[in-house]
Protein backbone atom coordinates (compact mmCIF):
# COMPACT_ATOMS: atom_id res chain seq x y z
CA MET A 1 85.10 -23.22 -25.49
CA MET A 2 88.93 -24.73 -25.95
CA ASP A 3 90.83 -21.97 -27.86
CA VAL A 4 93.03 -24.41 -29.49
CA LEU A 5 95.41 -21.52 -30.85
CA GLU A 6 96.50 -20.72 -26.97
CA LEU A 7 97.47 -24.47 -26.50
CA GLY A 8 100.63 -23.73 -28.19
CA GLY A 9 100.12 -27.11 -30.05
CA ARG A 10 99.02 -28.94 -26.94
CA SER A 11 95.48 -30.34 -26.67
CA PRO A 12 94.52 -33.79 -24.86
CA LEU A 13 94.28 -35.10 -28.80
CA ASN A 14 98.08 -35.03 -28.73
CA GLU A 15 97.91 -37.11 -25.87
CA TRP A 16 96.26 -39.91 -28.23
CA LEU A 17 98.54 -39.23 -31.06
CA GLU A 18 101.77 -39.55 -28.79
CA ALA A 19 100.41 -43.04 -27.69
CA ILE A 20 98.90 -43.89 -30.77
CA GLY A 21 102.27 -43.29 -32.21
CA ALA A 22 104.53 -44.68 -29.48
CA ALA A 23 106.58 -47.92 -30.05
CA GLY A 24 104.56 -50.37 -28.62
CA PRO A 25 101.13 -52.37 -29.63
CA THR A 26 98.52 -50.69 -28.28
CA PRO A 27 96.64 -48.05 -28.62
CA ALA A 28 96.61 -49.10 -32.13
CA GLY A 29 94.17 -49.35 -35.24
CA GLY A 30 91.16 -50.06 -33.00
CA SER A 31 91.57 -47.07 -30.93
CA ALA A 32 92.73 -44.89 -33.67
CA ALA A 33 89.39 -45.71 -35.71
CA ALA A 34 87.43 -44.93 -32.94
CA VAL A 35 89.13 -41.63 -32.30
CA ALA A 36 88.49 -40.77 -36.03
CA ALA A 37 85.09 -41.77 -35.62
CA ALA A 38 84.87 -39.09 -32.44
CA LEU A 39 86.14 -36.20 -34.77
CA SER A 40 83.51 -37.33 -37.42
CA ALA A 41 80.81 -37.22 -34.83
CA ALA A 42 82.72 -33.64 -33.72
CA LEU A 43 81.84 -32.32 -37.08
CA VAL A 44 78.39 -33.41 -37.39
CA LYS A 45 77.71 -31.55 -34.11
CA MET A 46 79.45 -28.15 -35.41
CA VAL A 47 77.63 -28.11 -38.23
CA ALA A 48 74.23 -29.13 -36.32
CA GLY A 49 75.19 -26.12 -33.82
CA MET A 50 75.54 -23.74 -36.36
CA THR A 51 72.74 -24.58 -38.32
CA ALA A 52 70.62 -24.10 -35.25
CA GLN A 53 71.95 -21.21 -34.82
CA ARG A 54 71.00 -19.39 -38.02
CA GLU A 55 67.47 -18.03 -38.60
CA LYS A 56 67.47 -18.72 -42.08
CA TYR A 57 67.49 -22.41 -41.33
CA ALA A 58 64.32 -22.08 -38.72
CA ALA A 59 63.22 -24.64 -40.95
CA VAL A 60 65.11 -27.33 -39.79
CA HIS A 61 66.08 -26.15 -36.59
CA ALA A 62 64.61 -28.96 -34.40
CA GLU A 63 66.21 -31.32 -36.86
CA ALA A 64 69.72 -29.90 -36.43
CA GLY A 65 69.32 -29.45 -32.72
CA GLU A 66 68.06 -33.42 -32.52
CA ALA A 67 71.34 -34.10 -34.95
CA ARG A 68 73.66 -32.20 -32.61
CA ALA A 69 72.58 -34.08 -29.36
CA ARG A 70 72.96 -37.23 -31.36
CA ALA A 71 76.34 -36.33 -32.29
CA GLU A 72 77.50 -35.41 -28.78
CA ARG A 73 76.02 -38.92 -27.71
CA LEU A 74 77.99 -40.73 -30.40
CA GLU A 75 80.84 -38.56 -29.64
CA ARG A 76 81.49 -39.61 -25.67
CA SER A 77 80.30 -43.06 -26.51
CA LEU A 78 83.00 -43.16 -29.46
CA VAL A 79 86.09 -42.01 -27.06
CA ALA A 80 84.86 -44.51 -24.58
CA LEU A 81 85.20 -47.16 -27.15
CA ALA A 82 88.80 -46.02 -27.86
CA VAL A 83 90.02 -46.70 -24.44
CA ARG A 84 87.77 -50.11 -24.14
CA ASP A 85 89.69 -51.04 -27.39
CA VAL A 86 92.88 -50.62 -25.64
CA ALA A 87 91.59 -52.66 -22.37
CA VAL A 88 90.58 -55.44 -24.68
CA PHE A 89 93.92 -55.97 -26.02
CA ALA A 90 95.64 -55.69 -22.64
CA GLY A 91 93.55 -58.86 -22.06
CA PHE A 92 94.55 -60.25 -25.35
CA SER A 93 98.32 -59.65 -24.17
CA ARG A 94 97.34 -61.30 -20.82
CA ALA A 95 96.51 -64.74 -22.40
CA LEU A 96 99.44 -64.38 -24.90
CA GLU A 97 101.66 -64.85 -21.42
CA LEU A 98 99.40 -67.98 -20.17
CA PRO A 99 101.82 -71.01 -19.89
CA ARG A 100 101.80 -73.40 -22.71
CA GLY A 101 103.87 -76.32 -21.28
CA ALA A 102 101.29 -79.05 -20.45
CA PRO A 103 98.05 -79.91 -23.07
CA GLU A 104 95.42 -78.38 -20.80
CA GLU A 105 97.77 -75.12 -20.21
CA ARG A 106 97.54 -74.62 -24.08
CA ASP A 107 94.15 -75.06 -24.19
CA GLU A 108 93.32 -72.91 -21.61
CA ARG A 109 95.75 -70.02 -23.56
CA GLU A 110 93.69 -70.51 -26.97
CA ARG A 111 90.37 -70.32 -24.97
CA ALA A 112 91.96 -67.08 -23.26
CA LYS A 113 92.97 -65.63 -26.74
CA ARG A 114 89.72 -66.73 -28.65
CA ALA A 115 87.75 -65.12 -26.08
CA ALA A 116 89.84 -61.57 -26.07
CA LEU A 117 89.53 -61.54 -29.60
CA LEU A 118 85.82 -62.10 -29.48
CA GLU A 119 85.59 -59.18 -26.98
CA GLY A 120 87.83 -57.21 -29.56
CA ALA A 121 85.63 -57.86 -32.33
CA GLU A 122 82.56 -57.00 -30.19
CA VAL A 123 83.94 -53.73 -29.66
CA GLN A 124 84.80 -53.21 -33.57
CA LEU A 125 81.00 -54.12 -34.13
CA GLU A 126 79.99 -51.44 -31.68
CA LEU A 127 82.14 -48.86 -33.57
CA LEU A 128 80.60 -49.47 -36.67
CA GLY A 129 77.14 -49.35 -35.48
CA SER A 130 77.89 -45.86 -33.96
CA LEU A 131 79.55 -44.93 -37.33
CA ALA A 132 76.25 -46.10 -39.18
CA GLU A 133 74.68 -43.47 -37.06
CA VAL A 134 77.41 -40.58 -37.79
CA ALA A 135 77.70 -41.30 -41.43
CA GLU A 136 73.79 -40.66 -41.61
CA LEU A 137 73.89 -37.66 -39.42
CA ALA A 138 76.47 -36.40 -41.54
CA GLY A 139 74.69 -36.98 -44.91
CA THR A 140 71.17 -35.45 -43.53
CA MET A 141 73.58 -32.11 -42.26
CA THR A 142 75.45 -32.26 -45.72
CA ASP A 143 71.82 -31.77 -47.42
CA ARG A 144 69.72 -29.76 -44.85
CA GLY A 145 72.68 -28.32 -42.88
CA LEU A 146 74.21 -24.72 -43.00
CA ALA A 147 75.21 -24.52 -46.75
CA SER A 148 78.75 -22.98 -46.38
CA ALA A 149 79.42 -25.67 -43.94
CA ALA A 150 78.38 -28.58 -46.18
CA GLY A 151 81.85 -29.53 -46.74
CA ASP A 152 82.40 -29.97 -43.18
CA ALA A 153 79.52 -32.38 -43.01
CA ALA A 154 80.72 -34.07 -45.83
CA SER A 155 84.47 -34.35 -44.30
CA ALA A 156 82.27 -36.39 -41.32
CA SER A 157 81.08 -38.87 -43.71
CA PHE A 158 84.54 -39.46 -45.01
CA LEU A 159 86.13 -40.03 -41.97
CA ALA A 160 83.15 -42.03 -40.89
CA ALA A 161 83.82 -44.09 -43.91
CA GLY A 162 87.51 -44.74 -43.52
CA ALA A 163 86.77 -45.63 -39.91
CA ALA A 164 84.31 -47.98 -40.67
CA ARG A 165 86.74 -50.12 -43.16
CA SER A 166 89.10 -50.26 -40.33
CA ALA A 167 86.75 -51.47 -37.98
CA TYR A 168 85.35 -53.84 -40.49
CA TRP A 169 88.41 -55.74 -41.30
CA ALA A 170 89.45 -55.16 -37.58
CA VAL A 171 86.37 -57.82 -36.88
CA ARG A 172 87.57 -59.92 -39.75
CA SER A 173 90.83 -60.26 -38.46
CA ASN A 174 89.83 -61.06 -34.99
CA LEU A 175 87.42 -63.86 -36.05
CA GLU A 176 89.62 -65.08 -38.54
CA GLY A 177 89.72 -69.37 -38.90
CA ARG A 178 86.18 -69.26 -36.98
CA GLU A 179 83.99 -68.98 -39.94
CA GLY A 180 81.59 -72.00 -40.02
CA GLU A 181 80.31 -71.15 -36.14
CA PRO A 182 76.96 -69.81 -36.33
CA GLU A 183 77.55 -66.88 -33.94
CA ILE A 184 80.64 -66.06 -35.50
CA ASP A 185 79.05 -65.87 -39.08
CA ALA A 186 76.17 -63.73 -37.54
CA ARG A 187 79.11 -61.40 -36.45
CA LEU A 188 80.53 -61.18 -39.63
CA GLU A 189 77.08 -60.82 -41.63
CA ARG A 190 76.75 -57.87 -39.03
CA ALA A 191 79.71 -56.10 -39.99
CA LEU A 192 79.54 -56.09 -43.36
CA GLY A 193 75.94 -54.91 -43.32
CA LEU A 194 77.04 -51.67 -41.27
CA LEU A 195 80.04 -51.24 -43.38
CA GLU A 196 77.63 -51.38 -46.28
CA ARG A 197 75.22 -48.90 -44.74
CA VAL A 198 78.15 -46.27 -44.07
CA GLU A 199 79.55 -46.64 -47.24
CA ALA A 200 75.97 -45.88 -48.76
CA ALA A 201 75.71 -43.17 -46.83
CA GLU A 202 79.09 -41.68 -48.16
CA ARG A 203 77.77 -42.38 -51.82
CA ARG A 204 74.87 -40.42 -51.01
CA THR A 205 76.73 -37.56 -49.33
CA VAL A 206 79.15 -37.13 -52.55
CA GLU A 207 76.18 -36.69 -54.42
CA ILE A 208 74.59 -33.85 -52.16
CA LEU A 209 77.57 -32.37 -51.64
CA LYS A 210 78.00 -32.11 -55.82
CA GLU A 211 74.59 -30.57 -55.85
CA ARG A 212 75.07 -27.73 -52.90
CA LEU A 213 78.45 -26.80 -54.63
CA LEU A 214 77.22 -26.92 -58.57
CA LEU A 215 79.93 -29.35 -59.08
CA SER A 216 79.71 -31.37 -62.53
CA PRO A 217 80.37 -35.09 -62.10
C-alpha cells in the first residue's frame, strides 16, 4: 500500500497534474475526465473493500467483493483511456499539419481531421459507458456499504457525474457539424443516454445519502 504521507507530496498522480497543467494542448479535458473517473472508481473500490472486511456487513460481503473487483477493473481501464485520449489528440495534431495547398490535399486533410475527431468521440463514449457503471456501483455502496463511508461512496458518484458531463460535451464537440449522419446521430443518442444514466444514479445517491445521514431535504 502506498503511504502518501511518506511521498512528501509526490505521487504518480502528480505526473498527471503536471502534464495536464503544462502550457500545451494535451493532455487536456478528455484525459482529465478519465483521471477523475479513475479516482471515482478507486473510491468505490475503497468503500467496497472496507465493507467486505466488517463482520457487521457479512450479509453484503459477496456483493461488496464483486463491487470491488468491478471497480478495480474499471479503474485500470479508465487510466488507460486517459492515455489513449492523449494519443488520439496527437493524431488530430498530425492531421492539422498535413499540406493543404491543392484541392486533393485539402480533402485528405479534412478526412484525417474527421477520422481523428471521430476516434476522440469514441474514446469519450467509452469513458461514458464506464462512468455509468462506476456511478451505479457508487450508489450501491452508498446504500449498502459501510455506513461511516457512505459519504466517500457518494463522492465517487459526484466525481463520476462531473466526468460524465465533460465526456458528453466532448462527444458533442468532436461530432459538431455532422448531425444528420445516421452513424453520428446514433453516437450522439448513445452519449446522451449514458449521461442521463449517470445523472440518474447521482440523484438516487443523493437521496440515499440523505437517508443514511438522516438529513432533511
